[in-house]
Amino acid sequence: MRIGDAAAAAGTTPRALRFYEERGLLPPPARTATGQRHYGPDEVARVRVIRELLALGLTVEDLRGLADRLQLLAEEPRRRCTTSDPASPGSDVVARRLAALDAEIERLSRLRERLARRTGQER
């Protein structure tokens, strides 16, 4: 399928597909005789995985370090994103992202408490 059709099937835009390709998250697709990108169901599944992981808070840079594993998640959607090997790059990426989220939650909680005390709206 052409880029517009593939983007629609994955719930994104053609621009996003080109961006993922430029960043190494999506391998360069096959090209037609006229040079147009041609995507199949495997590429659409991979883009869906990319979008899901981005929606979970991982960044494009996080995913670049895991690009070789994205196809595994596309092939087996119920696969867990963790590994028993702590030296695995996936473990480190997820642990760093969880730590960043925990720090942000803590910061926002402190901010909320200060604002509530200041305005007399404590719980």
PDB file of N, CA and C in Angstrom:
ATOM      1  N   MET A   1       0.835  -1.165   0.000  1.00  0.00           N
ATOM      2  CA  MET A   1       0.000   0.000   0.000  1.00  0.00           C
ATOM      3  C   MET A   1       0.886   1.236   0.000  1.00  0.00           C
ATOM      4  N   ARG A   2       0.363   2.309  -0.517  1.00  0.00           N
ATOM      5  CA  ARG A   2       1.114   3.553  -0.586  1.00  0.00           C
ATOM      6  C   ARG A   2       1.153   4.221   0.775  1.00  0.00           C
ATOM      7  N   ILE A   3       1.988   5.227   0.894  1.00  0.00           N
ATOM      8  CA  ILE A   3       2.253   5.836   2.197  1.00  0.00           C
ATOM      9  C   ILE A   3       0.995   6.394   2.864  1.00  0.00           C
ATOM     10  N   GLY A   4       0.119   7.018   2.094  1.00  0.00           N
ATOM     11  CA  GLY A   4      -1.102   7.570   2.678  1.00  0.00           C
ATOM     12  C   GLY A   4      -2.010   6.492   3.231  1.00  0.00           C
ATOM     13  N   ASP A   5      -2.131   5.400   2.501  1.00  0.00           N
ATOM     14  CA  ASP A   5      -2.960   4.284   2.953  1.00  0.00           C
ATOM     15  C   ASP A   5      -2.358   3.613   4.187  1.00  0.00           C
ATOM     16  N   ALA A   6      -1.034   3.446   4.172  1.00  0.00           N
ATOM     17  CA  ALA A   6      -0.361   2.825   5.320  1.00  0.00           C
ATOM     18  C   ALA A   6      -0.490   3.709   6.557  1.00  0.00           C
ATOM     19  N   ALA A   7      -0.328   5.007   6.370  1.00  0.00           N
ATOM     20  CA  ALA A   7      -0.451   5.928   7.494  1.00  0.00           C
ATOM     21  C   ALA A   7      -1.861   5.872   8.076  1.00  0.00           C
ATOM     22  N   ALA A   8      -2.857   5.880   7.211  1.00  0.00           N
ATOM     23  CA  ALA A   8      -4.246   5.816   7.691  1.00  0.00           C
ATOM     24  C   ALA A   8      -4.495   4.502   8.428  1.00  0.00           C
ATOM     25  N   ALA A   9      -3.970   3.400   7.915  1.00  0.00           N
ATOM     26  CA  ALA A   9      -4.163   2.093   8.553  1.00  0.00           C
ATOM     27  C   ALA A   9      -3.503   2.044   9.930  1.00  0.00           C
ATOM     28  N   ALA A  10      -2.410   2.784  10.095  1.00  0.00           N
ATOM     29  CA  ALA A  10      -1.694   2.794  11.374  1.00  0.00           C
ATOM     30  C   ALA A  10      -2.180   3.904  12.298  1.00  0.00           C
ATOM     31  N   GLY A  11      -3.071   4.748  11.813  1.00  0.00           N
ATOM     32  CA  GLY A  11      -3.601   5.830  12.637  1.00  0.00           C
ATOM     33  C   GLY A  11      -2.670   7.010  12.766  1.00  0.00           C
ATOM     34  N   THR A  12      -1.923   7.294  11.718  1.00  0.00           N
ATOM     35  CA  THR A  12      -0.971   8.410  11.769  1.00  0.00           C
ATOM     36  C   THR A  12      -0.942   9.124  10.426  1.00  0.00           C
ATOM     37  N   THR A  13       0.109   9.848  10.168  1.00  0.00           N
ATOM     38  CA  THR A  13       0.223  10.628   8.943  1.00  0.00           C
ATOM     39  C   THR A  13       1.405  10.148   8.100  1.00  0.00           C
ATOM     40  N   PRO A  14       1.383  10.437   6.806  1.00  0.00           N
ATOM     41  CA  PRO A  14       2.555  10.107   5.981  1.00  0.00           C
ATOM     42  C   PRO A  14       3.832  10.775   6.499  1.00  0.00           C
ATOM     43  N   ARG A  15       3.689  11.993   7.002  1.00  0.00           N
ATOM     44  CA  ARG A  15       4.852  12.699   7.541  1.00  0.00           C
ATOM     45  C   ARG A  15       5.466  11.922   8.701  1.00  0.00           C
ATOM     46  N   ALA A  16       4.614  11.357   9.567  1.00  0.00           N
ATOM     47  CA  ALA A  16       5.117  10.575  10.696  1.00  0.00           C
ATOM     48  C   ALA A  16       5.868   9.342  10.201  1.00  0.00           C
ATOM     49  N   LEU A  17       5.361   8.681   9.169  1.00  0.00           N
ATOM     50  CA  LEU A  17       6.058   7.505   8.637  1.00  0.00           C
ATOM     51  C   LEU A  17       7.442   7.887   8.126  1.00  0.00           C
ATOM     52  N   ARG A  18       7.534   8.992   7.410  1.00  0.00           N
ATOM     53  CA  ARG A  18       8.841   9.436   6.922  1.00  0.00           C
ATOM     54  C   ARG A  18       9.765   9.790   8.097  1.00  0.00           C
ATOM     55  N   PHE A  19       9.192  10.418   9.134  1.00  0.00           N
ATOM     56  CA  PHE A  19       9.967  10.762  10.331  1.00  0.00           C
ATOM     57  C   PHE A  19      10.499   9.502  11.007  1.00  0.00           C
ATOM     58  N   TYR A  20       9.656   8.494  11.186  1.00  0.00           N
ATOM     59  CA  TYR A  20      10.097   7.236  11.811  1.00  0.00           C
ATOM     60  C   TYR A  20      11.195   6.580  10.975  1.00  0.00           C
ATOM     61  N   GLU A  21      11.059   6.648   9.679  1.00  0.00           N
ATOM     62  CA  GLU A  21      12.081   6.086   8.795  1.00  0.00           C
ATOM     63  C   GLU A  21      13.399   6.853   8.961  1.00  0.00           C
ATOM     64  N   GLU A  22      13.333   8.183   8.969  1.00  0.00           N
ATOM     65  CA  GLU A  22      14.536   9.008   9.131  1.00  0.00           C
ATOM     66  C   GLU A  22      15.237   8.733  10.457  1.00  0.00           C
ATOM     67  N   ARG A  23      14.481   8.452  11.493  1.00  0.00           N
ATOM     68  CA  ARG A  23      15.051   8.232  12.820  1.00  0.00           C
ATOM     69  C   ARG A  23      15.470   6.783  13.052  1.00  0.00           C
ATOM     70  N   GLY A  24      15.260   5.926  12.083  1.00  0.00           N
ATOM     71  CA  GLY A  24      15.699   4.540  12.203  1.00  0.00           C
ATOM     72  C   GLY A  24      14.728   3.634  12.927  1.00  0.00           C
ATOM     73  N   LEU A  25      13.506   4.099  13.180  1.00  0.00           N
ATOM     74  CA  LEU A  25      12.510   3.258  13.848  1.00  0.00           C
ATOM     75  C   LEU A  25      11.798   2.348  12.863  1.00  0.00           C
ATOM     76  N   LEU A  26      11.759   2.765  11.633  1.00  0.00           N
ATOM     77  CA  LEU A  26      11.081   2.026  10.572  1.00  0.00           C
ATOM     78  C   LEU A  26      12.087   1.829   9.449  1.00  0.00           C
ATOM     79  N   PRO A  27      12.334   0.593   9.045  1.00  0.00           N
ATOM     80  CA  PRO A  27      13.296   0.378   7.966  1.00  0.00           C
ATOM     81  C   PRO A  27      12.799   1.015   6.670  1.00  0.00           C
ATOM     82  N   PRO A  28      13.713   1.407   5.806  1.00  0.00           N
ATOM     83  CA  PRO A  28      13.275   1.976   4.534  1.00  0.00           C
ATOM     84  C   PRO A  28      12.363   0.985   3.807  1.00  0.00           C
ATOM     85  N   PRO A  29      11.206   1.455   3.374  1.00  0.00           N
ATOM     86  CA  PRO A  29      10.270   0.541   2.713  1.00  0.00           C
ATOM     87  C   PRO A  29      10.699   0.223   1.287  1.00  0.00           C
ATOM     88  N   ALA A  30      10.083  -0.804   0.761  1.00  0.00           N
ATOM     89  CA  ALA A  30      10.308  -1.126  -0.656  1.00  0.00           C
ATOM     90  C   ALA A  30       9.802   0.048  -1.489  1.00  0.00           C
ATOM     91  N   ARG A  31      10.315   0.169  -2.680  1.00  0.00           N
ATOM     92  CA  ARG A  31       9.892   1.247  -3.577  1.00  0.00           C
ATOM     93  C   ARG A  31       9.300   0.646  -4.842  1.00  0.00           C
ATOM     94  N   THR A  32       8.306   1.346  -5.363  1.00  0.00           N
ATOM     95  CA  THR A  32       7.723   0.929  -6.636  1.00  0.00           C
ATOM     96  C   THR A  32       8.670   1.348  -7.758  1.00  0.00           C
ATOM     97  N   ALA A  33       8.359   0.943  -8.977  1.00  0.00           N
ATOM     98  CA  ALA A  33       9.188   1.305 -10.134  1.00  0.00           C
ATOM     99  C   ALA A  33       9.272   2.813 -10.304  1.00  0.00           C
ATOM    100  N   THR A  34       8.257   3.524  -9.838  1.00  0.00           N
ATOM    101  CA  THR A  34       8.250   4.991  -9.947  1.00  0.00           C
ATOM    102  C   THR A  34       8.849   5.665  -8.711  1.00  0.00           C
ATOM    103  N   GLY A  35       9.358   4.880  -7.763  1.00  0.00           N
ATOM    104  CA  GLY A  35      10.033   5.425  -6.598  1.00  0.00           C
ATOM    105  C   GLY A  35       9.140   5.698  -5.403  1.00  0.00           C
ATOM    106  N   GLN A  36       7.865   5.346  -5.491  1.00  0.00           N
ATOM    107  CA  GLN A  36       6.973   5.577  -4.354  1.00  0.00           C
ATOM    108  C   GLN A  36       7.191   4.504  -3.288  1.00  0.00           C
ATOM    109  N   ARG A  37       7.056   4.926  -2.043  1.00  0.00           N
ATOM    110  CA  ARG A  37       7.183   3.977  -0.936  1.00  0.00           C
ATOM    111  C   ARG A  37       6.016   2.987  -0.985  1.00  0.00           C
ATOM    112  N   HIS A  38       6.336   1.739  -0.661  1.00  0.00           N
ATOM    113  CA  HIS A  38       5.308   0.693  -0.618  1.00  0.00           C
ATOM    114  C   HIS A  38       5.422  -0.016   0.731  1.00  0.00           C
ATOM    115  N   TYR A  39       4.319  -0.010   1.468  1.00  0.00           N
ATOM    116  CA  TYR A  39       4.279  -0.613   2.802  1.00  0.00           C
ATOM    117  C   TYR A  39       3.363  -1.821   2.795  1.00  0.00           C
ATOM    118  N   GLY A  40       3.706  -2.794   3.632  1.00  0.00           N
ATOM    119  CA  GLY A  40       2.872  -3.971   3.813  1.00  0.00           C
ATOM    120  C   GLY A  40       2.326  -4.022   5.227  1.00  0.00           C
ATOM    121  N   PRO A  41       1.618  -5.086   5.549  1.00  0.00           N
ATOM    122  CA  PRO A  41       1.029  -5.222   6.885  1.00  0.00           C
ATOM    123  C   PRO A  41       2.074  -5.236   8.010  1.00  0.00           C
ATOM    124  N   ASP A  42       3.260  -5.759   7.743  1.00  0.00           N
ATOM    125  CA  ASP A  42       4.299  -5.792   8.784  1.00  0.00           C
ATOM    126  C   ASP A  42       4.728  -4.387   9.176  1.00  0.00           C
ATOM    127  N   GLU A  43       4.882  -3.524   8.192  1.00  0.00           N
ATOM    128  CA  GLU A  43       5.280  -2.145   8.478  1.00  0.00           C
ATOM    129  C   GLU A  43       4.175  -1.397   9.227  1.00  0.00           C
ATOM    130  N   VAL A  44       2.938  -1.636   8.837  1.00  0.00           N
ATOM    131  CA  VAL A  44       1.808  -0.985   9.522  1.00  0.00           C
ATOM    132  C   VAL A  44       1.763  -1.446  10.979  1.00  0.00           C
ATOM    133  N   ALA A  45       1.973  -2.740  11.219  1.00  0.00           N
ATOM    134  CA  ALA A  45       1.980  -3.261  12.592  1.00  0.00           C
ATOM    135  C   ALA A  45       3.117  -2.634  13.400  1.00  0.00           C
ATOM    136  N   ARG A  46       4.259  -2.476  12.779  1.00  0.00           N
ATOM    137  CA  ARG A  46       5.402  -1.875  13.473  1.00  0.00           C
ATOM    138  C   ARG A  46       5.106  -0.415  13.833  1.00  0.00           C
ATOM    139  N   VAL A  47       4.482   0.321  12.930  1.00  0.00           N
ATOM    140  CA  VAL A  47       4.130   1.718  13.218  1.00  0.00           C
ATOM    141  C   VAL A  47       3.133   1.778  14.366  1.00  0.00           C
ATOM    142  N   ARG A  48       2.209   0.844  14.425  1.00  0.00           N
ATOM    143  CA  ARG A  48       1.264   0.816  15.550  1.00  0.00           C
ATOM    144  C   ARG A  48       1.999   0.598  16.874  1.00  0.00           C
ATOM    145  N   VAL A  49       2.998  -0.265  16.878  1.00  0.00           N
ATOM    146  CA  VAL A  49       3.797  -0.502  18.084  1.00  0.00           C
ATOM    147  C   VAL A  49       4.541   0.778  18.465  1.00  0.00           C
ATOM    148  N   ILE A  50       5.142   1.429  17.491  1.00  0.00           N
ATOM    149  CA  ILE A  50       5.864   2.676  17.749  1.00  0.00           C
ATOM    150  C   ILE A  50       4.932   3.697  18.389  1.00  0.00           C
ATOM    151  N   ARG A  51       3.764   3.866  17.819  1.00  0.00           N
ATOM    152  CA  ARG A  51       2.799   4.836  18.343  1.00  0.00           C
ATOM    153  C   ARG A  51       2.353   4.470  19.761  1.00  0.00           C
ATOM    154  N   GLU A  52       2.147   3.186  20.009  1.00  0.00           N
ATOM    155  CA  GLU A  52       1.734   2.754  21.345  1.00  0.00           C
ATOM    156  C   GLU A  52       2.825   3.054  22.376  1.00  0.00           C
ATOM    157  N   LEU A  53       4.071   2.754  22.034  1.00  0.00           N
ATOM    158  CA  LEU A  53       5.169   3.004  22.968  1.00  0.00           C
ATOM    159  C   LEU A  53       5.381   4.496  23.196  1.00  0.00           C
ATOM    160  N   LEU A  54       5.215   5.288  22.160  1.00  0.00           N
ATOM    161  CA  LEU A  54       5.311   6.742  22.324  1.00  0.00           C
ATOM    162  C   LEU A  54       4.186   7.243  23.231  1.00  0.00           C
ATOM    163  N   ALA A  55       2.995   6.689  23.068  1.00  0.00           N
ATOM    164  CA  ALA A  55       1.859   7.085  23.903  1.00  0.00           C
ATOM    165  C   ALA A  55       2.066   6.677  25.367  1.00  0.00           C
ATOM    166  N   LEU A  56       2.875   5.654  25.608  1.00  0.00           N
ATOM    167  CA  LEU A  56       3.173   5.208  26.973  1.00  0.00           C
ATOM    168  C   LEU A  56       4.253   6.061  27.638  1.00  0.00           C
ATOM    169  N   GLY A  57       4.800   7.021  26.903  1.00  0.00           N
ATOM    170  CA  GLY A  57       5.764   7.932  27.497  1.00  0.00           C
ATOM    171  C   GLY A  57       7.196   7.744  27.060  1.00  0.00           C
ATOM    172  N   LEU A  58       7.470   6.719  26.257  1.00  0.00           N
ATOM    173  CA  LEU A  58       8.825   6.586  25.735  1.00  0.00           C
ATOM    174  C   LEU A  58       9.032   7.646  24.665  1.00  0.00           C
ATOM    175  N   THR A  59      10.264   8.018  24.435  1.00  0.00           N
ATOM    176  CA  THR A  59      10.582   9.021  23.428  1.00  0.00           C
ATOM    177  C   THR A  59      11.119   8.355  22.169  1.00  0.00           C
ATOM    178  N   VAL A  60      11.204   9.132  21.121  1.00  0.00           N
ATOM    179  CA  VAL A  60      11.782   8.613  19.874  1.00  0.00           C
ATOM    180  C   VAL A  60      13.217   8.156  20.131  1.00  0.00           C
ATOM    181  N   GLU A  61      13.949   8.926  20.929  1.00  0.00           N
ATOM    182  CA  GLU A  61      15.324   8.531  21.250  1.00  0.00           C
ATOM    183  C   GLU A  61      15.357   7.225  22.037  1.00  0.00           C
ATOM    184  N   ASP A  62      14.416   7.044  22.955  1.00  0.00           N
ATOM    185  CA  ASP A  62      14.324   5.770  23.682  1.00  0.00           C
ATOM    186  C   ASP A  62      14.154   4.628  22.692  1.00  0.00           C
ATOM    187  N   LEU A  63      13.246   4.820  21.757  1.00  0.00           N
ATOM    188  CA  LEU A  63      12.926   3.760  20.799  1.00  0.00           C
ATOM    189  C   LEU A  63      14.063   3.498  19.815  1.00  0.00           C
ATOM    190  N   ARG A  64      14.862   4.496  19.536  1.00  0.00           N
ATOM    191  CA  ARG A  64      16.002   4.279  18.626  1.00  0.00           C
ATOM    192  C   ARG A  64      16.928   3.202  19.167  1.00  0.00           C
ATOM    193  N   GLY A  65      17.099   3.177  20.481  1.00  0.00           N
ATOM    194  CA  GLY A  65      17.950   2.163  21.087  1.00  0.00           C
ATOM    195  C   GLY A  65      17.336   0.778  21.081  1.00  0.00           C
ATOM    196  N   LEU A  66      16.052   0.716  20.799  1.00  0.00           N
ATOM    197  CA  LEU A  66      15.338  -0.567  20.787  1.00  0.00           C
ATOM    198  C   LEU A  66      14.809  -0.921  19.403  1.00  0.00           C
ATOM    199  N   ALA A  67      15.237  -0.197  18.390  1.00  0.00           N
ATOM    200  CA  ALA A  67      14.658  -0.343  17.050  1.00  0.00           C
ATOM    201  C   ALA A  67      14.689  -1.786  16.553  1.00  0.00           C
ATOM    202  N   ASP A  68      15.735  -2.524  16.895  1.00  0.00           N
ATOM    203  CA  ASP A  68      15.829  -3.906  16.434  1.00  0.00           C
ATOM    204  C   ASP A  68      14.794  -4.813  17.095  1.00  0.00           C
ATOM    205  N   ARG A  69      14.198  -4.376  18.200  1.00  0.00           N
ATOM    206  CA  ARG A  69      13.208  -5.193  18.912  1.00  0.00           C
ATOM    207  C   ARG A  69      11.764  -4.822  18.585  1.00  0.00           C
ATOM    208  N   LEU A  70      11.570  -3.716  17.894  1.00  0.00           N
ATOM    209  CA  LEU A  70      10.208  -3.268  17.604  1.00  0.00           C
ATOM    210  C   LEU A  70       9.442  -4.285  16.781  1.00  0.00           C
ATOM    211  N   GLN A  71      10.128  -4.943  15.858  1.00  0.00           N
ATOM    212  CA  GLN A  71       9.453  -5.928  15.020  1.00  0.00           C
ATOM    213  C   GLN A  71       8.969  -7.116  15.844  1.00  0.00           C
ATOM    214  N   LEU A  72       9.713  -7.460  16.902  1.00  0.00           N
ATOM    215  CA  LEU A  72       9.278  -8.556  17.779  1.00  0.00           C
ATOM    216  C   LEU A  72       7.936  -8.226  18.424  1.00  0.00           C
ATOM    217  N   LEU A  73       7.776  -6.969  18.860  1.00  0.00           N
ATOM    218  CA  LEU A  73       6.507  -6.561  19.452  1.00  0.00           C
ATOM    219  C   LEU A  73       5.400  -6.512  18.408  1.00  0.00           C
ATOM    220  N   ALA A  74       5.753  -6.149  17.193  1.00  0.00           N
ATOM    221  CA  ALA A  74       4.754  -6.108  16.118  1.00  0.00           C
ATOM    222  C   ALA A  74       4.292  -7.519  15.772  1.00  0.00           C
ATOM    223  N   GLU A  75       5.208  -8.471  15.796  1.00  0.00           N
ATOM    224  CA  GLU A  75       4.871  -9.857  15.463  1.00  0.00           C
ATOM    225  C   GLU A  75       4.066 -10.530  16.572  1.00  0.00           C
ATOM    226  N   GLU A  76       4.337 -10.143  17.801  1.00  0.00           N
ATOM    227  CA  GLU A  76       3.656 -10.736  18.954  1.00  0.00           C
ATOM    228  C   GLU A  76       3.191  -9.607  19.877  1.00  0.00           C
ATOM    229  N   PRO A  77       2.040  -9.002  19.571  1.00  0.00           N
ATOM    230  CA  PRO A  77       1.592  -7.821  20.306  1.00  0.00           C
ATOM    231  C   PRO A  77       1.451  -8.005  21.815  1.00  0.00           C
ATOM    232  N   ARG A  78       1.200  -9.193  22.267  1.00  0.00           N
ATOM    233  CA  ARG A  78       1.024  -9.404  23.714  1.00  0.00           C
ATOM    234  C   ARG A  78       2.354  -9.634  24.426  1.00  0.00           C
ATOM    235  N   ARG A  79       3.456  -9.601  23.673  1.00  0.00           N
ATOM    236  CA  ARG A  79       4.784  -9.788  24.251  1.00  0.00           C
ATOM    237  C   ARG A  79       5.048  -8.677  25.267  1.00  0.00           C
ATOM    238  N   ARG A  80       5.695  -9.027  26.336  1.00  0.00           N
ATOM    239  CA  ARG A  80       6.042  -8.026  27.344  1.00  0.00           C
ATOM    240  C   ARG A  80       7.241  -7.232  26.862  1.00  0.00           C
ATOM    241  N   CYS A  81       7.303  -6.009  27.289  1.00  0.00           N
ATOM    242  CA  CYS A  81       8.387  -5.115  26.887  1.00  0.00           C
ATOM    243  C   CYS A  81       9.568  -5.193  27.833  1.00  0.00           C
ATOM    244  N   THR A  82       9.609  -6.197  28.661  1.00  0.00           N
ATOM    245  CA  THR A  82      10.714  -6.329  29.597  1.00  0.00           C
ATOM    246  C   THR A  82      11.498  -7.577  29.259  1.00  0.00           C
ATOM    247  N   THR A  83      12.595  -7.735  29.910  1.00  0.00           N
ATOM    248  CA  THR A  83      13.432  -8.904  29.725  1.00  0.00           C
ATOM    249  C   THR A  83      14.023  -9.290  31.074  1.00  0.00           C
ATOM    250  N   SER A  84      14.385 -10.523  31.217  1.00  0.00           N
ATOM    251  CA  SER A  84      14.977 -10.963  32.478  1.00  0.00           C
ATOM    252  C   SER A  84      16.450 -10.581  32.563  1.00  0.00           C
ATOM    253  N   ASP A  85      17.037 -10.147  31.461  1.00  0.00           N
ATOM    254  CA  ASP A  85      18.443  -9.768  31.428  1.00  0.00           C
ATOM    255  C   ASP A  85      18.594  -8.288  31.773  1.00  0.00           C
ATOM    256  N   PRO A  86      19.099  -7.944  32.965  1.00  0.00           N
ATOM    257  CA  PRO A  86      19.213  -6.539  33.345  1.00  0.00           C
ATOM    258  C   PRO A  86      20.189  -5.765  32.469  1.00  0.00           C
ATOM    259  N   ALA A  87      21.050  -6.456  31.731  1.00  0.00           N
ATOM    260  CA  ALA A  87      21.999  -5.777  30.843  1.00  0.00           C
ATOM    261  C   ALA A  87      21.350  -5.423  29.506  1.00  0.00           C
ATOM    262  N   SER A  88      20.143  -5.876  29.300  1.00  0.00           N
ATOM    263  CA  SER A  88      19.448  -5.601  28.050  1.00  0.00           C
ATOM    264  C   SER A  88      19.140  -4.118  27.921  1.00  0.00           C
ATOM    265  N   PRO A  89      19.300  -3.559  26.700  1.00  0.00           N
ATOM    266  CA  PRO A  89      18.991  -2.139  26.533  1.00  0.00           C
ATOM    267  C   PRO A  89      17.528  -1.822  26.840  1.00  0.00           C
ATOM    268  N   GLY A  90      16.632  -2.759  26.647  1.00  0.00           N
ATOM    269  CA  GLY A  90      15.223  -2.524  26.926  1.00  0.00           C
ATOM    270  C   GLY A  90      14.968  -2.280  28.395  1.00  0.00           C
ATOM    271  N   SER A  91      15.650  -3.014  29.244  1.00  0.00           N
ATOM    272  CA  SER A  91      15.482  -2.847  30.689  1.00  0.00           C
ATOM    273  C   SER A  91      15.911  -1.460  31.124  1.00  0.00           C
ATOM    274  N   ASP A  92      17.034  -1.007  30.616  1.00  0.00           N
ATOM    275  CA  ASP A  92      17.573   0.292  30.990  1.00  0.00           C
ATOM    276  C   ASP A  92      16.672   1.432  30.505  1.00  0.00           C
ATOM    277  N   VAL A  93      16.187   1.336  29.289  1.00  0.00           N
ATOM    278  CA  VAL A  93      15.325   2.386  28.726  1.00  0.00           C
ATOM    279  C   VAL A  93      14.048   2.507  29.541  1.00  0.00           C
ATOM    280  N   VAL A  94      13.407   1.394  29.819  1.00  0.00           N
ATOM    281  CA  VAL A  94      12.154   1.414  30.568  1.00  0.00           C
ATOM    282  C   VAL A  94      12.398   1.892  31.999  1.00  0.00           C
ATOM    283  N   ALA A  95      13.461   1.439  32.626  1.00  0.00           N
ATOM    284  CA  ALA A  95      13.764   1.859  33.997  1.00  0.00           C
ATOM    285  C   ALA A  95      14.009   3.368  34.057  1.00  0.00           C
ATOM    286  N   ARG A  96      14.757   3.901  33.098  1.00  0.00           N
ATOM    287  CA  ARG A  96      15.006   5.355  33.069  1.00  0.00           C
ATOM    288  C   ARG A  96      13.715   6.135  32.866  1.00  0.00           C
ATOM    289  N   ARG A  97      12.862   5.654  31.972  1.00  0.00           N
ATOM    290  CA  ARG A  97      11.615   6.370  31.695  1.00  0.00           C
ATOM    291  C   ARG A  97      10.697   6.319  32.913  1.00  0.00           C
ATOM    292  N   LEU A  98      10.619   5.156  33.587  1.00  0.00           N
ATOM    293  CA  LEU A  98       9.803   5.058  34.796  1.00  0.00           C
ATOM    294  C   LEU A  98      10.325   5.982  35.888  1.00  0.00           C
ATOM    295  N   ALA A  99      11.639   6.069  36.035  1.00  0.00           N
ATOM    296  CA  ALA A  99      12.223   6.967  37.026  1.00  0.00           C
ATOM    297  C   ALA A  99      11.888   8.423  36.708  1.00  0.00           C
ATOM    298  N   ALA A 100      11.943   8.782  35.446  1.00  0.00           N
ATOM    299  CA  ALA A 100      11.600  10.157  35.046  1.00  0.00           C
ATOM    300  C   ALA A 100      10.130  10.450  35.334  1.00  0.00           C
ATOM    301  N   LEU A 101       9.265   9.494  35.053  1.00  0.00           N
ATOM    302  CA  LEU A 101       7.838   9.682  35.341  1.00  0.00           C
ATOM    303  C   LEU A 101       7.590   9.800  36.840  1.00  0.00           C
ATOM    304  N   ASP A 102       8.254   8.952  37.627  1.00  0.00           N
ATOM    305  CA  ASP A 102       8.110   9.035  39.088  1.00  0.00           C
ATOM    306  C   ASP A 102       8.567  10.395  39.604  1.00  0.00           C
ATOM    307  N   ALA A 103       9.676  10.898  39.083  1.00  0.00           N
ATOM    308  CA  ALA A 103      10.176  12.204  39.513  1.00  0.00           C
ATOM    309  C   ALA A 103       9.188  13.307  39.143  1.00  0.00           C
ATOM    310  N   GLU A 104       8.602  13.231  37.981  1.00  0.00           N
ATOM    311  CA  GLU A 104       7.636  14.245  37.557  1.00  0.00           C
ATOM    312  C   GLU A 104       6.363  14.170  38.395  1.00  0.00           C
ATOM    313  N   ILE A 105       5.913  12.985  38.711  1.00  0.00           N
ATOM    314  CA  ILE A 105       4.729  12.828  39.569  1.00  0.00           C
ATOM    315  C   ILE A 105       5.008  13.434  40.946  1.00  0.00           C
ATOM    316  N   GLU A 106       6.188  13.158  41.479  1.00  0.00           N
ATOM    317  CA  GLU A 106       6.568  13.715  42.784  1.00  0.00           C
ATOM    318  C   GLU A 106       6.617  15.241  42.727  1.00  0.00           C
ATOM    319  N   ARG A 107       7.198  15.798  41.688  1.00  0.00           N
ATOM    320  CA  ARG A 107       7.280  17.253  41.532  1.00  0.00           C
ATOM    321  C   ARG A 107       5.884  17.871  41.461  1.00  0.00           C
ATOM    322  N   LEU A 108       5.012  17.270  40.668  1.00  0.00           N
ATOM    323  CA  LEU A 108       3.659  17.798  40.532  1.00  0.00           C
ATOM    324  C   LEU A 108       2.861  17.658  41.835  1.00  0.00           C
ATOM    325  N   SER A 109       3.084  16.571  42.551  1.00  0.00           N
ATOM    326  CA  SER A 109       2.400  16.391  43.839  1.00  0.00           C
ATOM    327  C   SER A 109       2.814  17.470  44.834  1.00  0.00           C
ATOM    328  N   ARG A 110       4.114  17.766  44.891  1.00  0.00           N
ATOM    329  CA  ARG A 110       4.591  18.836  45.780  1.00  0.00           C
ATOM    330  C   ARG A 110       4.012  20.183  45.352  1.00  0.00           C
ATOM    331  N   LEU A 111       3.976  20.433  44.072  1.00  0.00           N
ATOM    332  CA  LEU A 111       3.415  21.685  43.557  1.00  0.00           C
ATOM    333  C   LEU A 111       1.942  21.810  43.920  1.00  0.00           C
ATOM    334  N   ARG A 112       1.208  20.716  43.784  1.00  0.00           N
ATOM    335  CA  ARG A 112      -0.215  20.724  44.121  1.00  0.00           C
ATOM    336  C   ARG A 112      -0.413  21.016  45.606  1.00  0.00           C
ATOM    337  N   GLU A 113       0.385  20.355  46.444  1.00  0.00           N
ATOM    338  CA  GLU A 113       0.279  20.575  47.883  1.00  0.00           C
ATOM    339  C   GLU A 113       0.552  22.028  48.246  1.00  0.00           C
ATOM    340  N   ARG A 114       1.581  22.617  47.651  1.00  0.00           N
ATOM    341  CA  ARG A 114       1.896  24.017  47.938  1.00  0.00           C
ATOM    342  C   ARG A 114       0.762  24.938  47.519  1.00  0.00           C
ATOM    343  N   LEU A 115       0.217  24.707  46.338  1.00  0.00           N
ATOM    344  CA  LEU A 115      -0.886  25.545  45.855  1.00  0.00           C
ATOM    345  C   LEU A 115      -2.121  25.378  46.733  1.00  0.00           C
ATOM    346  N   ALA A 116      -2.421  24.149  47.131  1.00  0.00           N
ATOM    347  CA  ALA A 116      -3.587  23.891  47.974  1.00  0.00           C
ATOM    348  C   ALA A 116      -3.425  24.580  49.330  1.00  0.00           C
ATOM    349  N   ARG A 117      -2.221  24.509  49.929  1.00  0.00           N
ATOM    350  CA  ARG A 117      -1.979  25.189  51.202  1.00  0.00           C
ATOM    351  C   ARG A 117      -2.112  26.698  51.045  1.00  0.00           C
ATOM    352  N   ARG A 118      -1.572  27.200  49.971  1.00  0.00           N
ATOM    353  CA  ARG A 118      -1.576  28.652  49.737  1.00  0.00           C
ATOM    354  C   ARG A 118      -2.994  29.192  49.555  1.00  0.00           C
ATOM    355  N   THR A 119      -3.866  28.379  48.946  1.00  0.00           N
ATOM    356  CA  THR A 119      -5.243  28.830  48.660  1.00  0.00           C
ATOM    357  C   THR A 119      -6.250  28.283  49.646  1.00  0.00           C
ATOM    358  N   GLY A 120      -5.798  27.525  50.642  1.00  0.00           N
ATOM    359  CA  GLY A 120      -6.713  26.984  51.644  1.00  0.00           C
ATOM    360  C   GLY A 120      -7.612  25.876  51.124  1.00  0.00           C
ATOM    361  N   GLN A 121      -7.138  25.146  50.142  1.00  0.00           N
ATOM    362  CA  GLN A 121      -7.954  24.079  49.545  1.00  0.00           C
ATOM    363  C   GLN A 121      -7.339  22.705  49.762  1.00  0.00           C
ATOM    364  N   GLU A 122      -6.744  22.523  50.950  1.00  0.00           N
ATOM    365  CA  GLU A 122      -6.175  21.213  51.251  1.00  0.00           C
ATOM    366  C   GLU A 122      -7.273  20.157  51.268  1.00  0.00           C
ATOM    367  N   ARG A 123      -6.900  18.958  51.008  1.00  0.00           N
ATOM    368  CA  ARG A 123      -7.867  17.849  51.050  1.00  0.00           C
ATOM    369  C   ARG A 123      -8.123  17.434  52.451  1.00  0.00           C
TER     370      ARG A 123
END
